[in-house]
Amino acid sequence: MGTWQIVDQPLNCTPLPGVWSYRVKRDQDGNISKYKAWWCARGDMQMPWEYNNTYSPTSRFAAVRTIIATAAQEGMELHHWDIQ
């Protein structure tokens, strides 16, 4: 599926510990619709000088819809960038 990418660990870094969290999603009738799992890193274990090394911007869906609607109304083009 291309979800994970295995990389070499830098020599001067220690990975953060964490835990797996699991959830079963159910539909309106109570039947299982999907299984979800995610890795939760313990951010409280970061060293103070490492706090600026993480960056994960998010936006609300309503804000994204507003931008798309405004661009469509004004005849503008939208561009997307992936920053790694």
N, C-alpha and C. Protein backbone atom coordinates (compact mmCIF):
# COMPACT_ATOMS: atom_id res chain seq x y z
N MET A 1 0.81 -1.20 0.00
CA MET A 1 0.00 0.00 0.00
C MET A 1 0.85 1.26 0.00
N GLY A 2 2.14 1.16 0.30
CA GLY A 2 2.99 2.33 0.28
C GLY A 2 2.80 3.25 1.47
N THR A 3 2.29 2.72 2.58
CA THR A 3 2.05 3.55 3.75
C THR A 3 3.33 3.85 4.50
N TRP A 4 4.19 2.86 4.61
CA TRP A 4 5.41 3.00 5.40
C TRP A 4 6.63 3.05 4.51
N GLN A 5 7.64 3.74 4.97
CA GLN A 5 8.92 3.78 4.28
C GLN A 5 10.00 3.51 5.31
N ILE A 6 10.77 2.46 5.12
CA ILE A 6 11.83 2.11 6.07
C ILE A 6 13.08 2.89 5.71
N VAL A 7 13.64 3.57 6.70
CA VAL A 7 14.85 4.36 6.51
C VAL A 7 15.86 3.97 7.57
N ASP A 8 17.13 4.26 7.31
CA ASP A 8 18.18 4.01 8.29
C ASP A 8 18.11 5.04 9.40
N GLN A 9 18.37 4.59 10.63
CA GLN A 9 18.37 5.49 11.78
C GLN A 9 19.67 6.27 11.80
N PRO A 10 19.61 7.62 11.97
CA PRO A 10 20.84 8.39 12.10
C PRO A 10 21.63 7.94 13.32
N LEU A 11 22.94 8.00 13.23
CA LEU A 11 23.79 7.49 14.31
C LEU A 11 23.63 8.26 15.62
N ASN A 12 23.35 9.56 15.55
CA ASN A 12 23.31 10.38 16.76
C ASN A 12 21.89 10.57 17.31
N CYS A 13 20.93 9.74 16.89
CA CYS A 13 19.54 9.90 17.32
C CYS A 13 19.03 8.62 17.98
N THR A 14 18.12 8.81 18.92
CA THR A 14 17.44 7.69 19.56
C THR A 14 15.96 7.79 19.21
N PRO A 15 15.37 6.72 18.70
CA PRO A 15 13.95 6.80 18.36
C PRO A 15 13.09 6.98 19.60
N LEU A 16 11.97 7.70 19.43
CA LEU A 16 11.03 7.88 20.52
C LEU A 16 10.25 6.60 20.76
N PRO A 17 10.01 6.25 22.02
CA PRO A 17 9.16 5.09 22.27
C PRO A 17 7.71 5.45 21.97
N GLY A 18 6.90 4.45 21.81
CA GLY A 18 5.49 4.71 21.54
C GLY A 18 4.67 3.45 21.71
N VAL A 19 3.40 3.56 21.39
CA VAL A 19 2.48 2.43 21.51
C VAL A 19 1.57 2.39 20.30
N TRP A 20 1.08 1.21 19.98
CA TRP A 20 0.07 1.04 18.96
C TRP A 20 -1.29 1.24 19.58
N SER A 21 -2.17 1.94 18.90
CA SER A 21 -3.56 2.09 19.32
C SER A 21 -4.44 1.46 18.25
N TYR A 22 -5.45 0.74 18.69
CA TYR A 22 -6.34 0.03 17.78
C TYR A 22 -7.79 0.45 18.03
N ARG A 23 -8.59 0.47 16.99
CA ARG A 23 -10.01 0.78 17.12
C ARG A 23 -10.78 0.01 16.06
N VAL A 24 -11.95 -0.46 16.44
CA VAL A 24 -12.86 -1.11 15.52
C VAL A 24 -13.98 -0.13 15.21
N LYS A 25 -14.15 0.22 13.95
CA LYS A 25 -15.22 1.13 13.53
C LYS A 25 -16.44 0.29 13.14
N ARG A 26 -17.62 0.73 13.57
CA ARG A 26 -18.85 0.01 13.30
C ARG A 26 -19.82 0.89 12.53
N ASP A 27 -20.68 0.25 11.72
CA ASP A 27 -21.69 1.00 10.98
C ASP A 27 -22.93 1.21 11.86
N GLN A 28 -23.99 1.74 11.28
CA GLN A 28 -25.19 2.07 12.04
C GLN A 28 -25.86 0.84 12.66
N ASP A 29 -25.68 -0.32 12.04
CA ASP A 29 -26.30 -1.55 12.53
C ASP A 29 -25.43 -2.28 13.55
N GLY A 30 -24.25 -1.76 13.82
CA GLY A 30 -23.35 -2.40 14.78
C GLY A 30 -22.40 -3.41 14.15
N ASN A 31 -22.44 -3.55 12.84
CA ASN A 31 -21.52 -4.46 12.15
C ASN A 31 -20.16 -3.79 12.01
N ILE A 32 -19.11 -4.59 12.01
CA ILE A 32 -17.76 -4.05 11.86
C ILE A 32 -17.59 -3.55 10.44
N SER A 33 -17.21 -2.26 10.30
CA SER A 33 -17.02 -1.70 8.96
C SER A 33 -15.53 -1.59 8.61
N LYS A 34 -14.67 -1.36 9.61
CA LYS A 34 -13.24 -1.31 9.34
C LYS A 34 -12.45 -1.38 10.64
N TYR A 35 -11.21 -1.78 10.50
CA TYR A 35 -10.28 -1.80 11.62
C TYR A 35 -9.29 -0.67 11.41
N LYS A 36 -8.96 0.06 12.48
CA LYS A 36 -8.00 1.15 12.37
C LYS A 36 -6.88 0.94 13.37
N ALA A 37 -5.68 1.30 13.00
CA ALA A 37 -4.53 1.20 13.89
C ALA A 37 -3.61 2.37 13.61
N TRP A 38 -2.98 2.88 14.65
CA TRP A 38 -2.02 3.97 14.47
C TRP A 38 -0.97 3.91 15.56
N TRP A 39 0.19 4.41 15.22
CA TRP A 39 1.34 4.44 16.13
C TRP A 39 1.37 5.79 16.81
N CYS A 40 1.40 5.80 18.13
CA CYS A 40 1.45 7.04 18.91
C CYS A 40 2.84 7.15 19.54
N ALA A 41 3.62 8.10 19.07
CA ALA A 41 4.95 8.33 19.63
C ALA A 41 4.83 9.14 20.91
N ARG A 42 5.68 8.86 21.85
CA ARG A 42 5.66 9.59 23.12
C ARG A 42 6.44 10.88 22.95
N GLY A 43 5.75 11.94 22.54
CA GLY A 43 6.40 13.23 22.32
C GLY A 43 6.96 13.85 23.57
N ASP A 44 6.45 13.44 24.75
CA ASP A 44 6.98 13.99 25.99
C ASP A 44 8.38 13.48 26.29
N MET A 45 8.84 12.50 25.53
CA MET A 45 10.19 11.96 25.74
C MET A 45 11.23 12.69 24.88
N GLN A 46 10.81 13.68 24.09
CA GLN A 46 11.75 14.43 23.26
C GLN A 46 12.66 15.28 24.13
N MET A 47 13.86 15.48 23.66
CA MET A 47 14.78 16.40 24.32
C MET A 47 14.39 17.82 23.93
N PRO A 48 14.65 18.81 24.78
CA PRO A 48 14.21 20.19 24.47
C PRO A 48 14.73 20.70 23.13
N TRP A 49 15.90 20.31 22.72
CA TRP A 49 16.46 20.80 21.46
C TRP A 49 15.85 20.10 20.26
N GLU A 50 15.03 19.06 20.46
CA GLU A 50 14.41 18.35 19.35
C GLU A 50 12.99 18.83 19.06
N TYR A 51 12.45 19.73 19.87
CA TYR A 51 11.06 20.13 19.70
C TYR A 51 10.80 20.79 18.35
N ASN A 52 11.76 21.49 17.80
CA ASN A 52 11.57 22.19 16.53
C ASN A 52 11.75 21.26 15.33
N ASN A 53 12.13 20.01 15.56
CA ASN A 53 12.36 19.08 14.46
C ASN A 53 11.08 18.40 13.97
N THR A 54 9.96 18.67 14.62
CA THR A 54 8.70 18.07 14.18
C THR A 54 7.79 19.17 13.65
N TYR A 55 7.10 18.85 12.56
CA TYR A 55 6.20 19.84 11.96
C TYR A 55 5.10 19.09 11.24
N SER A 56 3.90 19.27 11.66
CA SER A 56 2.78 18.58 11.06
C SER A 56 1.59 19.52 10.93
N PRO A 57 1.56 20.35 9.89
CA PRO A 57 0.46 21.29 9.75
C PRO A 57 -0.83 20.57 9.35
N THR A 58 -1.91 21.01 9.92
CA THR A 58 -3.21 20.47 9.54
C THR A 58 -4.18 21.63 9.35
N SER A 59 -5.23 21.38 8.63
CA SER A 59 -6.23 22.42 8.43
C SER A 59 -7.61 21.80 8.55
N ARG A 60 -8.55 22.61 8.92
CA ARG A 60 -9.92 22.14 9.03
C ARG A 60 -10.53 21.96 7.65
N PHE A 61 -11.43 20.99 7.56
CA PHE A 61 -12.07 20.71 6.28
C PHE A 61 -12.86 21.92 5.79
N ALA A 62 -13.50 22.64 6.71
CA ALA A 62 -14.28 23.82 6.33
C ALA A 62 -13.38 24.89 5.70
N ALA A 63 -12.17 25.05 6.21
CA ALA A 63 -11.24 26.03 5.65
C ALA A 63 -10.81 25.64 4.24
N VAL A 64 -10.55 24.36 4.04
CA VAL A 64 -10.16 23.88 2.71
C VAL A 64 -11.31 24.06 1.72
N ARG A 65 -12.52 23.74 2.12
CA ARG A 65 -13.69 23.92 1.24
C ARG A 65 -13.89 25.39 0.89
N THR A 66 -13.65 26.29 1.85
CA THR A 66 -13.79 27.72 1.59
C THR A 66 -12.78 28.18 0.54
N ILE A 67 -11.55 27.72 0.66
CA ILE A 67 -10.51 28.10 -0.30
C ILE A 67 -10.85 27.57 -1.69
N ILE A 68 -11.29 26.32 -1.77
CA ILE A 68 -11.64 25.73 -3.06
C ILE A 68 -12.83 26.45 -3.68
N ALA A 69 -13.85 26.77 -2.87
CA ALA A 69 -15.03 27.46 -3.39
C ALA A 69 -14.68 28.86 -3.88
N THR A 70 -13.84 29.58 -3.14
CA THR A 70 -13.43 30.92 -3.55
C THR A 70 -12.65 30.87 -4.85
N ALA A 71 -11.72 29.90 -4.94
CA ALA A 71 -10.93 29.76 -6.17
C ALA A 71 -11.82 29.44 -7.36
N ALA A 72 -12.81 28.58 -7.17
CA ALA A 72 -13.72 28.22 -8.26
C ALA A 72 -14.57 29.42 -8.68
N GLN A 73 -15.03 30.18 -7.71
CA GLN A 73 -15.88 31.34 -8.00
C GLN A 73 -15.11 32.43 -8.74
N GLU A 74 -13.84 32.59 -8.38
CA GLU A 74 -13.01 33.64 -8.98
C GLU A 74 -12.26 33.16 -10.22
N GLY A 75 -12.41 31.89 -10.60
CA GLY A 75 -11.72 31.36 -11.77
C GLY A 75 -10.23 31.20 -11.56
N MET A 76 -9.81 30.95 -10.35
CA MET A 76 -8.39 30.80 -10.02
C MET A 76 -7.95 29.35 -10.16
N GLU A 77 -6.63 29.14 -10.25
CA GLU A 77 -6.06 27.80 -10.27
C GLU A 77 -5.51 27.50 -8.88
N LEU A 78 -5.66 26.26 -8.44
CA LEU A 78 -5.09 25.82 -7.18
C LEU A 78 -3.91 24.90 -7.46
N HIS A 79 -2.86 25.04 -6.68
CA HIS A 79 -1.69 24.18 -6.79
C HIS A 79 -1.42 23.55 -5.44
N HIS A 80 -0.84 22.36 -5.45
CA HIS A 80 -0.57 21.62 -4.22
C HIS A 80 0.92 21.24 -4.19
N TRP A 81 1.52 21.36 -3.02
CA TRP A 81 2.92 20.97 -2.83
C TRP A 81 2.99 19.98 -1.69
N ASP A 82 3.84 18.98 -1.83
CA ASP A 82 4.19 18.08 -0.72
C ASP A 82 5.56 18.48 -0.23
N ILE A 83 5.65 18.84 1.02
CA ILE A 83 6.93 19.25 1.60
C ILE A 83 7.43 18.11 2.47
N GLN A 84 8.63 17.65 2.20
CA GLN A 84 9.16 16.54 2.97
C GLN A 84 10.38 16.95 3.73
